[in-house]
N, C-alpha and C. Protein backbone atom coordinates (compact mmCIF):
# COMPACT_ATOMS: atom_id res chain seq x y z
N MET A 1 25.40 -20.35 -31.16
CA MET A 1 24.18 -20.80 -30.99
C MET A 1 23.40 -19.56 -31.15
N VAL A 2 23.62 -18.37 -30.53
CA VAL A 2 22.89 -17.20 -30.04
C VAL A 2 23.03 -16.21 -31.75
N ARG A 3 23.96 -16.55 -32.22
CA ARG A 3 24.11 -15.88 -33.51
C ARG A 3 23.80 -16.27 -34.58
N LYS A 4 23.45 -17.93 -34.50
CA LYS A 4 22.42 -18.69 -35.43
C LYS A 4 21.27 -18.43 -34.81
N VAL A 5 20.86 -18.10 -33.37
CA VAL A 5 18.96 -17.62 -33.45
C VAL A 5 18.83 -16.27 -34.08
N PHE A 6 19.41 -15.70 -34.13
CA PHE A 6 19.08 -14.05 -34.21
C PHE A 6 19.68 -13.91 -35.99
N GLY A 7 20.89 -14.67 -36.13
CA GLY A 7 21.24 -14.30 -37.33
C GLY A 7 22.35 -13.97 -37.56
N LEU A 8 23.04 -13.25 -36.73
CA LEU A 8 23.57 -12.21 -36.48
C LEU A 8 25.24 -13.02 -37.13
N LYS A 9 26.34 -12.35 -37.98
CA LYS A 9 27.22 -12.61 -38.69
C LYS A 9 28.56 -12.19 -37.34
N LYS A 10 29.62 -13.11 -37.43
CA LYS A 10 30.38 -12.70 -36.38
C LYS A 10 30.88 -11.16 -36.03
N ASP A 11 30.97 -10.57 -37.12
CA ASP A 11 31.76 -9.07 -37.10
C ASP A 11 30.64 -8.45 -35.93
N PHE A 12 29.53 -8.50 -36.58
CA PHE A 12 28.88 -7.59 -35.77
C PHE A 12 28.21 -8.14 -34.09
N ALA A 13 28.61 -9.39 -34.10
CA ALA A 13 28.17 -9.79 -32.74
C ALA A 13 29.50 -9.56 -32.32
N GLU A 14 30.58 -9.53 -32.55
CA GLU A 14 31.71 -9.03 -31.58
C GLU A 14 31.79 -7.16 -31.23
N LYS A 15 31.17 -6.82 -32.52
CA LYS A 15 31.11 -5.32 -32.53
C LYS A 15 29.81 -5.10 -31.24
N THR A 16 29.50 -5.51 -30.88
CA THR A 16 28.37 -5.63 -30.32
C THR A 16 28.25 -6.43 -29.12
N LYS A 17 29.12 -6.94 -28.52
CA LYS A 17 29.31 -7.98 -27.80
C LYS A 17 29.00 -7.00 -25.78
N MET A 18 29.17 -5.56 -25.83
CA MET A 18 29.31 -4.75 -24.54
C MET A 18 27.44 -4.57 -24.52
N LEU A 19 27.12 -4.43 -25.68
CA LEU A 19 25.48 -4.32 -25.65
C LEU A 19 25.09 -5.79 -25.29
N ALA A 20 25.31 -6.69 -25.45
CA ALA A 20 25.20 -8.04 -25.30
C ALA A 20 25.04 -8.31 -24.00
N ALA A 21 26.31 -7.56 -23.36
CA ALA A 21 26.78 -7.87 -22.26
C ALA A 21 25.93 -7.39 -20.97
N ASN A 22 25.28 -6.01 -21.61
CA ASN A 22 24.31 -5.10 -20.92
C ASN A 22 23.10 -6.04 -21.03
N GLN A 23 22.93 -6.35 -22.08
CA GLN A 23 20.73 -6.91 -21.95
C GLN A 23 21.40 -8.33 -21.07
N GLY A 24 22.44 -8.79 -20.80
CA GLY A 24 22.56 -9.96 -20.42
C GLY A 24 22.47 -9.63 -18.86
N ILE A 25 22.98 -8.55 -17.98
CA ILE A 25 22.59 -8.10 -16.84
C ILE A 25 21.54 -7.88 -16.46
N TYR A 26 20.53 -7.55 -17.64
CA TYR A 26 19.16 -6.70 -17.08
C TYR A 26 18.57 -7.98 -17.29
N ASN A 27 18.90 -9.07 -17.70
CA ASN A 27 18.17 -10.38 -18.07
C ASN A 27 18.49 -11.21 -16.73
N LEU A 28 19.88 -10.69 -16.10
CA LEU A 28 19.94 -11.53 -14.61
C LEU A 28 19.18 -11.13 -13.89
N PHE A 29 19.14 -9.30 -14.03
CA PHE A 29 18.21 -8.97 -12.87
C PHE A 29 16.67 -9.23 -12.94
N LEU A 30 16.40 -9.89 -14.18
CA LEU A 30 14.65 -10.48 -14.48
C LEU A 30 14.76 -11.55 -13.30
N VAL A 31 15.62 -12.05 -13.75
CA VAL A 31 15.79 -13.67 -13.00
C VAL A 31 16.18 -13.52 -11.73
N ALA A 32 16.74 -12.79 -11.10
CA ALA A 32 16.90 -12.37 -9.69
C ALA A 32 15.34 -12.48 -9.00
N GLY A 33 14.63 -11.70 -9.91
CA GLY A 33 13.36 -10.76 -9.50
C GLY A 33 12.25 -12.07 -9.64
N LEU A 34 12.65 -12.76 -10.18
CA LEU A 34 11.88 -14.02 -10.24
C LEU A 34 12.14 -15.20 -9.32
N VAL A 35 13.14 -15.33 -9.08
CA VAL A 35 13.79 -16.24 -8.09
C VAL A 35 13.26 -15.83 -6.74
N TRP A 36 13.55 -14.17 -6.57
CA TRP A 36 13.15 -13.56 -4.93
C TRP A 36 11.88 -14.25 -4.46
N SER A 37 10.75 -14.06 -5.73
CA SER A 37 9.16 -14.38 -5.77
C SER A 37 8.97 -15.67 -5.09
N LEU A 38 10.04 -16.76 -5.93
CA LEU A 38 9.93 -17.74 -5.34
C LEU A 38 10.42 -18.47 -3.72
N VAL A 39 11.32 -17.55 -3.08
CA VAL A 39 11.94 -17.54 -1.73
C VAL A 39 10.99 -16.91 -0.87
N ILE A 40 10.15 -15.88 -1.26
CA ILE A 40 9.62 -15.19 -0.33
C ILE A 40 8.55 -15.61 0.47
N GLY A 41 8.45 -15.64 1.61
CA GLY A 41 7.49 -16.67 2.77
C GLY A 41 5.98 -15.97 2.14
N ASP A 42 5.17 -15.11 2.00
CA ASP A 42 4.56 -14.81 2.18
C ASP A 42 4.00 -14.86 0.65
N PRO A 43 2.88 -15.25 0.77
CA PRO A 43 1.94 -15.94 -0.91
C PRO A 43 1.89 -14.87 -1.90
N VAL A 44 1.03 -14.12 -0.97
CA VAL A 44 0.48 -12.86 -1.58
C VAL A 44 1.74 -12.01 -2.49
N PHE A 45 2.34 -11.38 -1.35
CA PHE A 45 3.34 -10.47 -1.98
C PHE A 45 4.30 -11.65 -3.07
N ALA A 46 4.41 -12.67 -2.92
CA ALA A 46 5.07 -13.46 -3.99
C ALA A 46 4.66 -13.42 -5.46
N THR A 47 2.94 -13.92 -5.15
CA THR A 47 2.46 -13.68 -6.43
C THR A 47 2.91 -12.46 -7.34
N SER A 48 2.74 -10.97 -6.58
CA SER A 48 2.46 -9.98 -7.29
C SER A 48 4.19 -9.93 -7.58
N ILE A 49 5.12 -10.02 -6.80
CA ILE A 49 6.23 -10.08 -7.07
C ILE A 49 6.90 -10.80 -8.46
N ASN A 50 5.92 -11.96 -8.40
CA ASN A 50 6.33 -12.95 -9.69
C ASN A 50 5.29 -12.66 -10.82
N LEU A 51 4.54 -12.13 -10.81
CA LEU A 51 3.35 -11.39 -11.84
C LEU A 51 4.43 -10.02 -12.72
N PHE A 52 4.79 -9.11 -11.79
CA PHE A 52 5.43 -8.24 -12.03
C PHE A 52 7.09 -7.81 -12.74
N PHE A 53 7.57 -9.27 -12.35
CA PHE A 53 8.98 -9.91 -13.05
C PHE A 53 8.27 -10.18 -14.14
N MET A 54 7.44 -11.33 -14.36
CA MET A 54 7.33 -11.90 -15.59
C MET A 54 6.68 -11.24 -16.65
N PHE A 55 5.81 -9.86 -16.17
CA PHE A 55 5.50 -8.94 -17.18
C PHE A 55 6.56 -7.97 -17.88
N CYS A 56 7.30 -7.96 -16.62
CA CYS A 56 8.47 -6.89 -17.37
C CYS A 56 9.24 -7.86 -18.20
N VAL A 57 9.18 -9.08 -18.38
CA VAL A 57 10.16 -9.92 -19.12
C VAL A 57 9.12 -10.10 -20.61
N ALA A 58 7.60 -10.20 -20.00
CA ALA A 58 6.70 -9.97 -21.63
C ALA A 58 7.11 -8.78 -22.55
N LEU A 59 7.10 -7.58 -21.58
CA LEU A 59 7.14 -5.91 -21.89
C LEU A 59 8.26 -6.08 -23.14
N ALA A 60 9.42 -6.74 -22.27
CA ALA A 60 10.80 -6.81 -22.83
C ALA A 60 10.82 -7.24 -24.51
N GLY A 61 10.02 -8.34 -24.29
CA GLY A 61 9.92 -9.39 -25.75
C GLY A 61 8.58 -8.23 -26.99
N VAL A 62 7.84 -7.46 -26.29
CA VAL A 62 7.25 -7.02 -27.31
C VAL A 62 8.02 -5.62 -27.57
N PHE A 63 8.89 -5.62 -26.59
CA PHE A 63 9.58 -4.11 -27.26
C PHE A 63 10.83 -4.61 -28.34
N GLY A 64 11.06 -5.92 -27.87
CA GLY A 64 12.46 -6.47 -29.20
C GLY A 64 12.00 -6.46 -29.91
N ALA A 65 11.02 -7.19 -29.71
CA ALA A 65 10.12 -7.22 -31.39
C ALA A 65 9.89 -6.30 -32.05
N ILE A 66 9.38 -5.09 -31.91
CA ILE A 66 9.47 -3.67 -32.44
C ILE A 66 10.94 -3.47 -32.83
N THR A 67 11.72 -3.28 -31.94
CA THR A 67 12.34 -2.63 -32.65
C THR A 67 14.05 -3.45 -32.76
N VAL A 68 13.72 -4.80 -32.75
CA VAL A 68 14.74 -6.00 -33.38
C VAL A 68 14.57 -6.80 -34.36
N GLY A 69 13.26 -6.87 -34.12
CA GLY A 69 12.35 -8.36 -34.98
C GLY A 69 11.64 -9.17 -33.94
N PHE A 70 10.54 -9.50 -34.97
CA PHE A 70 9.21 -10.28 -34.48
C PHE A 70 9.82 -11.63 -33.47
N LYS A 71 11.06 -11.87 -34.18
CA LYS A 71 11.48 -13.41 -33.81
C LYS A 71 11.53 -13.16 -32.16
N LEU A 72 11.75 -11.81 -31.84
CA LEU A 72 12.47 -11.85 -30.63
C LEU A 72 10.80 -12.10 -29.40
N PHE A 73 10.05 -11.23 -30.31
CA PHE A 73 8.13 -11.78 -29.70
C PHE A 73 8.24 -13.65 -29.37
N TRP A 74 8.52 -14.25 -30.23
CA TRP A 74 8.38 -15.60 -30.07
C TRP A 74 9.32 -16.33 -28.97
N ILE A 75 10.34 -15.96 -28.79
CA ILE A 75 11.55 -16.64 -28.24
C ILE A 75 11.44 -16.08 -26.69
N GLN A 76 11.05 -14.45 -26.42
CA GLN A 76 10.86 -14.06 -24.82
C GLN A 76 9.48 -13.61 -24.89
N GLY A 77 8.69 -12.83 -25.51
CA GLY A 77 7.37 -12.23 -25.12
C GLY A 77 6.15 -13.26 -24.91
N LEU A 78 5.99 -13.76 -25.90
CA LEU A 78 4.90 -15.30 -26.13
C LEU A 78 5.50 -16.59 -24.98
N PRO A 79 6.03 -16.79 -23.86
CA PRO A 79 6.49 -17.47 -23.09
C PRO A 79 5.64 -16.62 -22.02
N ALA A 80 6.90 -15.28 -21.97
CA ALA A 80 6.47 -14.81 -20.46
C ALA A 80 4.79 -14.84 -20.40
N PHE A 81 4.01 -14.15 -21.69
CA PHE A 81 2.60 -13.97 -21.90
C PHE A 81 2.14 -15.28 -21.50
N ILE A 82 2.15 -16.03 -22.01
CA ILE A 82 1.34 -17.57 -21.27
C ILE A 82 1.53 -17.48 -19.93
N ALA A 83 3.76 -17.24 -19.56
CA ALA A 83 2.97 -17.78 -18.02
C ALA A 83 2.32 -16.70 -16.81
N VAL A 84 2.17 -15.33 -17.38
CA VAL A 84 1.38 -14.88 -16.74
C VAL A 84 -0.02 -15.19 -16.64
N ALA A 85 -0.51 -15.50 -17.92
CA ALA A 85 -1.79 -15.83 -18.15
C ALA A 85 -2.41 -17.24 -17.29
N LEU A 86 -1.27 -17.98 -17.34
CA LEU A 86 -1.31 -18.99 -16.22
C LEU A 86 -0.95 -18.75 -14.89
N HIS A 87 -0.72 -17.72 -14.91
CA HIS A 87 -0.76 -17.46 -13.33
C HIS A 87 -1.72 -16.92 -12.84
N VAL A 88 -2.46 -15.64 -14.01
CA VAL A 88 -3.45 -15.48 -13.71
C VAL A 88 -5.03 -16.45 -13.02
N ILE A 89 -4.65 -17.59 -14.25
CA ILE A 89 -5.90 -18.18 -14.29
C ILE A 89 -6.34 -18.75 -13.14
C-alpha cells in the first residue's frame, strides 16, 4: 500500500527499507509526543506540548514536499496544519 501511495517500485523500496525504518522511528517519537500531550495533567502544558508536536509534523510535511514530492504535503503536512489551526481557534 505504501509503495502504491508514493509510487515506489519494489526494488527501490527494498533498497531504502532502512531509511523507511528510520522515518518510522521518527514518526513514532512524534506520536509519542502527541499521546504524552493527552495524558499530561496540566492543561496549559498539555496544549503547549500538543501544539509543538503537531507543528513538528506539519513542518516535516513541508520538508517532505520540498525534498520528496508535493504529494507528501497533502498526506502529512496539510492535515497537521489543519489540526494546529483548529487547536488555536
